[in-house]
Amino acid sequence: MNNSFIKIFSVLKLALFTGVVFANTQAETELQKRLSLVSQYKADFSQIVRSVKGNIIQEGEGTFQVKRPNLFKMDVKTPQENEIISDGKNLWFYDPFVSQVTVNWLENVVTDTPFVLLTNNEPKNWKQYDVTQEMDNFVLKPLSKHSGIEQFDIRITKNGVLKGFSTIEKTGQSNLYLLKNISNQVDKDVFKFTVPEGAEIDDQRIKK
């Protein structure tokens, strides 16, 4: 009697576990399909940064551009200018206020820079996240304990229109980006980055 109960319980537990994995796989596949519907776009964004208590601590705006695969550029205009650019191999961060450039290999920053997932369906990148879905909202949680990101949320329609995205950091601070004025007109040259004259370079690619 007890052995039979244990066997039935084990089968049910396996079935439930398999169902969860299947559901997550479905969500990942659906999200990738939606992201693939639009190969390039440019949008203005408004940004809201909240503290762990939910208080607004900063607001900003800028532009966000994507060209699949692997190219994106985020131009923050206010409150302080900076740029994040993926040229397909490298991820560049430029802070003109301190005249400093930081560069990493794109493949090495996926767990801390989930924006990369908006630009490709590479299995090696997606396997670093667990994906769940509720209607047009997708929640991605990094599997690495070393990631500085707690979760990455994407809101995208069935037609592939990206409405916005947000990150929640391990510290509890959140960054919400809402997109507007979306256009499919993108100049591929915007994804090229030239280090400004006199800027200090922190090259993380050569560090062990």
Protein backbone atom coordinates (compact mmCIF):
# COMPACT_ATOMS: atom_id res chain seq x y z
CA MET A 1 0.00 0.00 0.00
CA ASN A 2 2.71 2.43 1.02
CA ASN A 3 4.94 1.40 -1.89
CA SER A 4 2.09 1.95 -4.34
CA PHE A 5 1.42 5.39 -2.91
CA ILE A 6 5.09 6.30 -3.19
CA LYS A 7 5.17 5.16 -6.82
CA ILE A 8 2.03 7.13 -7.70
CA PHE A 9 3.40 10.22 -5.94
CA SER A 10 6.69 9.91 -7.81
CA VAL A 11 4.90 9.68 -11.17
CA LEU A 12 2.75 12.71 -10.37
CA LYS A 13 5.79 14.70 -9.25
CA LEU A 14 7.61 13.83 -12.48
CA ALA A 15 4.58 14.79 -14.55
CA LEU A 16 4.28 18.15 -12.78
CA PHE A 17 7.98 18.85 -13.18
CA THR A 18 7.85 17.96 -16.87
CA GLY A 19 4.84 20.22 -17.29
CA VAL A 20 6.69 23.18 -15.78
CA VAL A 21 9.68 22.66 -18.05
CA PHE A 22 7.37 22.37 -21.08
CA ALA A 23 5.56 25.54 -20.09
CA ASN A 24 8.84 27.42 -19.79
CA THR A 25 9.99 26.06 -23.15
CA GLN A 26 6.72 27.20 -24.72
CA ALA A 27 7.16 30.70 -23.28
CA GLU A 28 10.71 30.93 -24.58
CA THR A 29 9.68 29.75 -28.05
CA GLU A 30 6.75 32.18 -28.16
CA LEU A 31 8.91 35.11 -27.06
CA GLN A 32 11.58 34.31 -29.65
CA LYS A 33 8.90 34.07 -32.34
CA ARG A 34 7.49 37.49 -31.44
CA LEU A 35 10.91 39.12 -31.29
CA SER A 36 11.77 37.68 -34.72
CA LEU A 37 8.73 39.27 -36.40
CA VAL A 38 10.42 42.69 -36.49
CA SER A 39 14.02 42.62 -37.68
CA GLN A 40 14.83 46.26 -36.96
CA TYR A 41 13.30 49.25 -35.22
CA LYS A 42 13.99 52.59 -33.59
CA ALA A 43 12.01 54.03 -30.68
CA ASP A 44 12.06 56.81 -28.13
CA PHE A 45 11.92 55.67 -24.53
CA SER A 46 11.08 57.09 -21.15
CA GLN A 47 12.85 55.59 -18.16
CA ILE A 48 11.73 55.35 -14.55
CA VAL A 49 14.14 54.16 -11.86
CA ARG A 50 12.64 53.08 -8.55
CA SER A 51 14.25 52.23 -5.24
CA VAL A 52 13.66 48.95 -3.43
CA LYS A 53 10.81 50.73 -1.59
CA GLY A 54 9.18 51.71 -4.88
CA ASN A 55 10.06 55.39 -4.73
CA ILE A 56 10.99 57.13 -7.99
CA ILE A 57 14.64 58.13 -7.72
CA GLN A 58 15.33 59.06 -11.33
CA GLU A 59 13.56 59.69 -14.63
CA GLY A 60 15.13 59.87 -18.04
CA GLU A 61 14.62 59.57 -21.76
CA GLY A 62 16.47 58.59 -24.89
CA THR A 63 16.37 56.39 -27.99
CA PHE A 64 16.66 52.64 -28.46
CA GLN A 65 17.58 50.99 -31.76
CA VAL A 66 17.80 47.32 -32.73
CA LYS A 67 18.85 45.48 -35.85
CA ARG A 68 18.80 41.70 -35.64
CA PRO A 69 21.00 39.85 -35.15
CA ASN A 70 23.11 41.21 -32.30
CA LEU A 71 23.05 44.95 -33.01
CA PHE A 72 21.56 47.50 -30.64
CA LYS A 73 22.15 51.00 -29.38
CA MET A 74 20.73 52.75 -26.34
CA ASP A 75 21.22 56.51 -26.25
CA VAL A 76 20.35 58.01 -22.88
CA LYS A 77 19.74 61.75 -23.34
CA THR A 78 18.62 62.74 -19.84
CA PRO A 79 19.31 63.13 -16.98
CA GLN A 80 22.91 62.36 -18.01
CA GLU A 81 24.11 61.34 -21.46
CA ASN A 82 25.60 57.91 -22.06
CA GLU A 83 25.61 55.28 -24.78
CA ILE A 84 25.43 51.49 -24.83
CA ILE A 85 26.26 49.97 -28.21
CA SER A 86 26.51 46.41 -29.46
CA ASP A 87 28.37 46.14 -32.77
CA GLY A 88 27.69 42.41 -32.99
CA LYS A 89 30.84 41.27 -31.18
CA ASN A 90 31.59 43.93 -28.58
CA LEU A 91 29.47 45.78 -26.07
CA TRP A 92 30.54 49.40 -25.63
CA PHE A 93 29.54 51.72 -22.81
CA TYR A 94 30.48 55.38 -23.18
CA ASP A 95 30.09 57.94 -20.42
CA PRO A 96 30.95 61.37 -21.87
CA PHE A 97 30.66 63.04 -18.45
CA VAL A 98 33.83 61.29 -17.26
CA SER A 99 35.12 60.64 -20.80
CA GLN A 100 35.39 56.88 -20.23
CA VAL A 101 34.71 53.89 -22.48
CA THR A 102 34.19 50.35 -21.18
CA VAL A 103 34.20 47.45 -23.65
CA ASN A 104 33.34 43.77 -23.17
CA TRP A 105 32.87 40.78 -25.43
CA LEU A 106 29.14 40.65 -26.13
CA GLU A 107 28.93 36.93 -25.37
CA ASN A 108 30.35 37.49 -21.89
CA VAL A 109 27.72 39.95 -20.66
CA VAL A 110 24.44 38.18 -21.44
CA THR A 111 23.53 37.49 -17.80
CA ASP A 112 24.06 41.12 -16.78
CA THR A 113 22.91 42.77 -20.02
CA PRO A 114 19.68 40.98 -20.99
CA PHE A 115 19.03 43.54 -23.77
CA VAL A 116 21.15 41.14 -25.87
CA LEU A 117 18.21 38.72 -25.91
CA LEU A 118 16.11 41.27 -27.81
CA THR A 119 18.50 40.93 -30.74
CA ASN A 120 18.98 37.20 -31.33
CA ASN A 121 17.68 33.66 -30.76
CA GLU A 122 21.08 32.13 -29.97
CA PRO A 123 20.48 29.02 -27.79
CA LYS A 124 23.70 29.63 -25.83
CA ASN A 125 22.31 32.99 -24.71
CA TRP A 126 18.75 31.91 -24.00
CA LYS A 127 19.76 28.87 -21.98
CA GLN A 128 21.11 31.29 -19.37
CA TYR A 129 17.54 32.36 -18.52
CA ASP A 130 14.31 30.81 -17.31
CA VAL A 131 11.31 32.22 -19.22
CA THR A 132 7.66 32.40 -18.19
CA GLN A 133 4.70 34.09 -19.88
CA GLU A 134 1.46 35.79 -18.89
CA MET A 135 -0.39 37.16 -21.95
CA ASP A 136 1.92 39.75 -23.57
CA ASN A 137 4.27 39.87 -20.60
CA PHE A 138 7.36 37.67 -20.38
CA VAL A 139 9.54 37.27 -17.29
CA LEU A 140 13.15 36.15 -17.70
CA LYS A 141 15.22 35.15 -14.70
CA PRO A 142 18.95 34.49 -15.02
CA LEU A 143 20.05 31.05 -13.89
CA SER A 144 23.49 32.25 -12.82
CA LYS A 145 23.82 33.20 -9.16
CA HIS A 146 26.52 35.67 -10.16
CA SER A 147 24.21 37.84 -12.26
CA GLY A 148 23.50 41.33 -10.96
CA ILE A 149 19.99 41.06 -12.44
CA GLU A 150 17.11 39.46 -10.53
CA GLN A 151 14.75 39.48 -13.51
CA PHE A 152 14.13 41.00 -16.93
CA ASP A 153 10.56 41.69 -18.05
CA ILE A 154 9.53 42.15 -21.69
CA ARG A 155 6.15 43.37 -22.91
CA ILE A 156 5.60 42.54 -26.58
CA THR A 157 2.46 42.01 -28.68
CA LYS A 158 1.64 39.00 -30.85
CA ASN A 159 2.56 41.18 -33.84
CA GLY A 160 6.08 41.68 -32.52
CA VAL A 161 5.63 45.26 -31.32
CA LEU A 162 7.86 45.84 -28.31
CA LYS A 163 5.98 48.02 -25.80
CA GLY A 164 8.62 48.15 -23.10
CA PHE A 165 10.98 46.25 -20.84
CA SER A 166 12.29 46.47 -17.31
CA THR A 167 15.03 45.11 -15.11
CA ILE A 168 15.05 44.37 -11.41
CA GLU A 169 18.53 44.30 -9.92
CA LYS A 170 19.66 42.09 -7.06
CA THR A 171 19.66 45.23 -4.90
CA GLY A 172 15.91 45.59 -5.51
CA GLN A 173 16.25 48.70 -7.66
CA SER A 174 14.14 48.60 -10.83
CA ASN A 175 14.50 50.25 -14.25
CA LEU A 176 11.40 50.58 -16.44
CA TYR A 177 11.66 51.55 -20.12
CA LEU A 178 8.48 52.48 -22.02
CA LEU A 179 8.76 52.76 -25.81
CA LYS A 180 6.96 55.18 -28.13
CA ASN A 181 7.29 56.64 -31.65
CA ILE A 182 8.40 53.26 -32.99
CA SER A 183 9.79 53.23 -36.53
CA ASN A 184 11.37 50.57 -38.74
CA GLN A 185 13.84 53.05 -40.21
CA VAL A 186 17.30 52.24 -38.83
CA ASP A 187 20.71 53.29 -40.14
CA LYS A 188 23.13 50.36 -39.75
CA ASP A 189 26.03 52.78 -39.22
CA VAL A 190 24.68 53.79 -35.79
CA PHE A 191 25.92 50.47 -34.43
CA LYS A 192 29.54 51.33 -35.18
CA PHE A 193 31.47 52.84 -32.30
CA THR A 194 34.66 54.89 -32.49
CA VAL A 195 36.41 55.71 -29.24
CA PRO A 196 36.35 59.50 -28.82
CA GLU A 197 39.72 61.21 -28.78
CA GLY A 198 41.09 61.53 -25.26
CA ALA A 199 38.64 59.07 -23.70
CA GLU A 200 39.96 56.58 -21.15
CA ILE A 201 39.42 52.94 -22.17
CA ASP A 202 38.61 50.13 -19.75
CA ASP A 203 39.01 47.03 -21.94
CA GLN A 204 37.45 44.10 -20.10
CA ARG A 205 38.17 41.79 -23.06
CA ILE A 206 41.85 41.48 -22.18
CA LYS A 207 41.31 40.78 -18.50
CA LYS A 208 41.36 37.29 -17.07
